[in-house]
Amino acid sequence: MFENIYDLPVNQDEELPFQLPEWIAPAPFEEFLGMTIHEAKNGKAVLTMPFKAALCQGKGLMHGGAVVSLADTALAMAIKSLLPEGTDFVTIKLGLEFHAPVRWGLVRAEARVTDQDDRNIEGMTEIVTEEGIKAATFRATFRATFRIRKQRPAN
């Protein structure tokens, strides 16, 4: 969808060269990495991303930055499923704990919102390999640009 804009510069005070087709949809970066959104509802989301050679670090494992990108995006989609369309929010704190390397295949991210106050939303994402091995646990805090009405995360 966005391939034709990947190399365009983003300049100060200019309109972005793209528009998302809907509220819960991959942005150009997520599309570039090959992410697919399978589900995003009730404060939970499931995304996948294929392990391509472009995502390798020097020893042939999936680069940690690619893992974080998938985890962060999955949690953002879980959050979007709770917020009114168009709400602006950003990641303000994140951490990732690795449990096992990602060596090949389709990587799955299972995210859920765990807490929310009037501006901050916390959540976690588990990264699972195609073999079913938990590779990483991601935790993050996001902040909305305005006060939001508290909603209960799904259990």
Protein backbone atom coordinates (compact mmCIF):
# COMPACT_ATOMS: atom_id res chain seq x y z
CA MET A 1 0.00 0.00 0.00
CA PHE A 2 2.75 2.48 0.98
CA GLU A 3 5.68 1.14 -1.12
CA ASN A 4 5.64 4.23 -3.36
CA ILE A 5 6.38 6.57 -0.42
CA TYR A 6 9.12 4.62 1.42
CA ASP A 7 11.89 6.85 0.07
CA LEU A 8 10.10 10.19 0.30
CA PRO A 9 11.48 12.70 2.81
CA VAL A 10 9.32 13.90 5.68
CA ASN A 11 9.84 17.64 6.04
CA GLN A 12 9.07 20.11 8.78
CA ASP A 13 5.71 21.86 8.47
CA GLU A 14 4.64 19.75 5.48
CA GLU A 15 1.77 17.29 5.26
CA LEU A 16 2.67 13.65 5.69
CA PRO A 17 2.92 11.78 2.37
CA PHE A 18 0.42 9.14 3.52
CA GLN A 19 -2.86 8.63 5.34
CA LEU A 20 -3.86 5.49 7.22
CA PRO A 21 -6.83 3.73 5.59
CA GLU A 22 -8.49 3.18 8.99
CA TRP A 23 -7.90 3.69 12.74
CA ILE A 24 -6.43 0.23 13.33
CA ALA A 25 -4.08 -0.32 10.39
CA PRO A 26 -0.34 -0.71 9.79
CA ALA A 27 1.60 2.52 9.20
CA PRO A 28 4.34 2.64 6.52
CA PHE A 29 7.08 1.43 8.92
CA GLU A 30 5.00 -1.53 10.08
CA GLU A 31 4.09 -2.41 6.49
CA PHE A 32 7.77 -2.13 5.51
CA LEU A 33 8.63 -4.70 8.20
CA GLY A 34 5.85 -7.01 6.97
CA MET A 35 3.58 -6.82 10.03
CA THR A 36 0.03 -8.13 9.82
CA ILE A 37 -2.70 -7.24 12.30
CA HIS A 38 -4.81 -10.34 12.96
CA GLU A 39 -6.90 -9.00 15.82
CA ALA A 40 -7.28 -5.81 17.85
CA LYS A 41 -10.23 -5.57 20.22
CA ASN A 42 -11.10 -5.13 23.89
CA GLY A 43 -7.58 -4.04 24.84
CA LYS A 44 -5.87 -7.01 23.19
CA ALA A 45 -4.09 -7.46 19.86
CA VAL A 46 -2.35 -10.19 17.87
CA LEU A 47 0.15 -9.33 15.14
CA THR A 48 2.65 -11.36 13.13
CA MET A 49 5.82 -10.48 11.26
CA PRO A 50 7.86 -12.74 8.97
CA PHE A 51 11.55 -13.11 9.77
CA LYS A 52 13.31 -11.86 6.62
CA ALA A 53 17.07 -11.61 6.09
CA ALA A 54 16.78 -7.81 6.32
CA LEU A 55 15.86 -8.20 10.01
CA CYS A 56 19.00 -10.18 10.92
CA GLN A 57 21.73 -9.03 13.25
CA GLY A 58 25.31 -10.19 12.57
CA LYS A 59 24.85 -13.75 13.86
CA GLY A 60 21.65 -14.37 11.89
CA LEU A 61 19.17 -13.91 14.72
CA MET A 62 16.29 -11.42 14.55
CA HIS A 63 17.61 -7.98 15.51
CA GLY A 64 16.35 -6.72 18.87
CA GLY A 65 15.08 -3.55 17.22
CA ALA A 66 12.81 -5.60 14.98
CA VAL A 67 11.48 -7.51 18.01
CA VAL A 68 10.80 -4.24 19.87
CA SER A 69 9.09 -2.76 16.80
CA LEU A 70 6.69 -5.70 16.58
CA ALA A 71 5.99 -5.68 20.33
CA ASP A 72 5.45 -1.91 20.52
CA THR A 73 3.15 -1.92 17.48
CA ALA A 74 1.09 -4.81 18.86
CA LEU A 75 0.56 -2.98 22.13
CA ALA A 76 -0.31 0.23 20.27
CA MET A 77 -3.03 -1.67 18.37
CA ALA A 78 -4.38 -3.11 21.64
CA ILE A 79 -4.53 0.44 23.01
CA LYS A 80 -6.21 1.77 19.87
CA SER A 81 -8.94 -0.81 20.38
CA LEU A 82 -9.88 0.96 23.63
CA LEU A 83 -9.51 4.62 22.65
CA PRO A 84 -11.76 6.87 20.60
CA GLU A 85 -10.68 7.01 16.96
CA GLY A 86 -8.15 9.77 16.36
CA THR A 87 -6.78 9.87 19.92
CA ASP A 88 -3.12 10.86 19.88
CA PHE A 89 -0.83 8.79 22.11
CA VAL A 90 2.87 7.92 22.23
CA THR A 91 5.19 5.44 23.91
CA ILE A 92 6.91 7.13 26.86
CA LYS A 93 8.62 4.14 28.50
CA LEU A 94 9.48 0.66 27.28
CA GLY A 95 11.49 -2.39 28.22
CA LEU A 96 12.15 -5.79 26.69
CA GLU A 97 13.34 -8.96 28.36
CA PHE A 98 14.65 -11.66 26.02
CA HIS A 99 14.01 -15.32 26.90
CA ALA A 100 15.12 -17.05 23.68
CA PRO A 101 16.43 -15.99 20.25
CA VAL A 102 14.24 -15.68 17.17
CA ARG A 103 15.98 -17.77 14.52
CA TRP A 104 13.42 -18.16 11.70
CA GLY A 105 9.77 -18.16 10.68
CA LEU A 106 6.68 -16.15 11.44
CA VAL A 107 6.93 -14.27 14.73
CA ARG A 108 3.76 -13.64 16.74
CA ALA A 109 3.05 -10.76 19.14
CA GLU A 110 0.26 -11.11 21.72
CA ALA A 111 -0.42 -7.78 23.43
CA ARG A 112 -2.78 -6.65 26.15
CA VAL A 113 -3.49 -3.50 28.11
CA THR A 114 -2.86 -4.08 31.83
CA ASP A 115 -3.61 -0.70 33.43
CA GLN A 116 -4.95 2.73 32.54
CA ASP A 117 -5.40 6.05 34.32
CA ASP A 118 -6.59 9.38 32.96
CA ARG A 119 -3.61 9.81 30.57
CA ASN A 120 -1.31 6.80 30.87
CA ILE A 121 -1.87 3.31 29.55
CA GLU A 122 0.34 0.36 30.46
CA GLY A 123 0.56 -2.97 28.78
CA MET A 124 2.63 -5.97 27.87
CA THR A 125 3.38 -8.01 24.78
CA GLU A 126 4.68 -11.54 24.55
CA ILE A 127 6.75 -12.41 21.49
CA VAL A 128 6.39 -16.04 20.42
CA THR A 129 8.39 -17.88 17.75
CA GLU A 130 6.81 -20.04 15.07
CA GLU A 131 7.90 -23.03 17.18
CA GLY A 132 5.76 -21.72 20.06
CA ILE A 133 8.71 -20.61 22.20
CA LYS A 134 8.27 -17.39 24.21
CA ALA A 135 11.17 -15.29 22.91
CA ALA A 136 10.57 -12.02 24.77
CA THR A 137 8.33 -10.07 27.13
CA PHE A 138 7.79 -6.38 26.40
CA ARG A 139 6.31 -3.84 28.82
CA ALA A 140 5.52 -0.23 28.01
CA THR A 141 3.70 2.89 29.09
CA PHE A 142 1.92 5.08 26.57
CA ARG A 143 0.57 8.57 27.16
CA ALA A 144 -2.44 10.18 25.52
CA THR A 145 -2.14 13.85 24.64
CA PHE A 146 -5.35 14.62 26.53
CA ARG A 147 -7.20 13.05 29.42
CA ILE A 148 -9.03 9.90 28.47
CA ARG A 149 -11.96 8.18 30.03
CA LYS A 150 -10.84 5.11 31.91
CA GLN A 151 -11.93 1.84 30.35
CA ARG A 152 -11.46 -1.60 31.78
CA PRO A 153 -8.94 -3.79 29.93
CA ALA A 154 -10.32 -7.17 28.90
CA ASN A 155 -9.42 -10.11 31.13
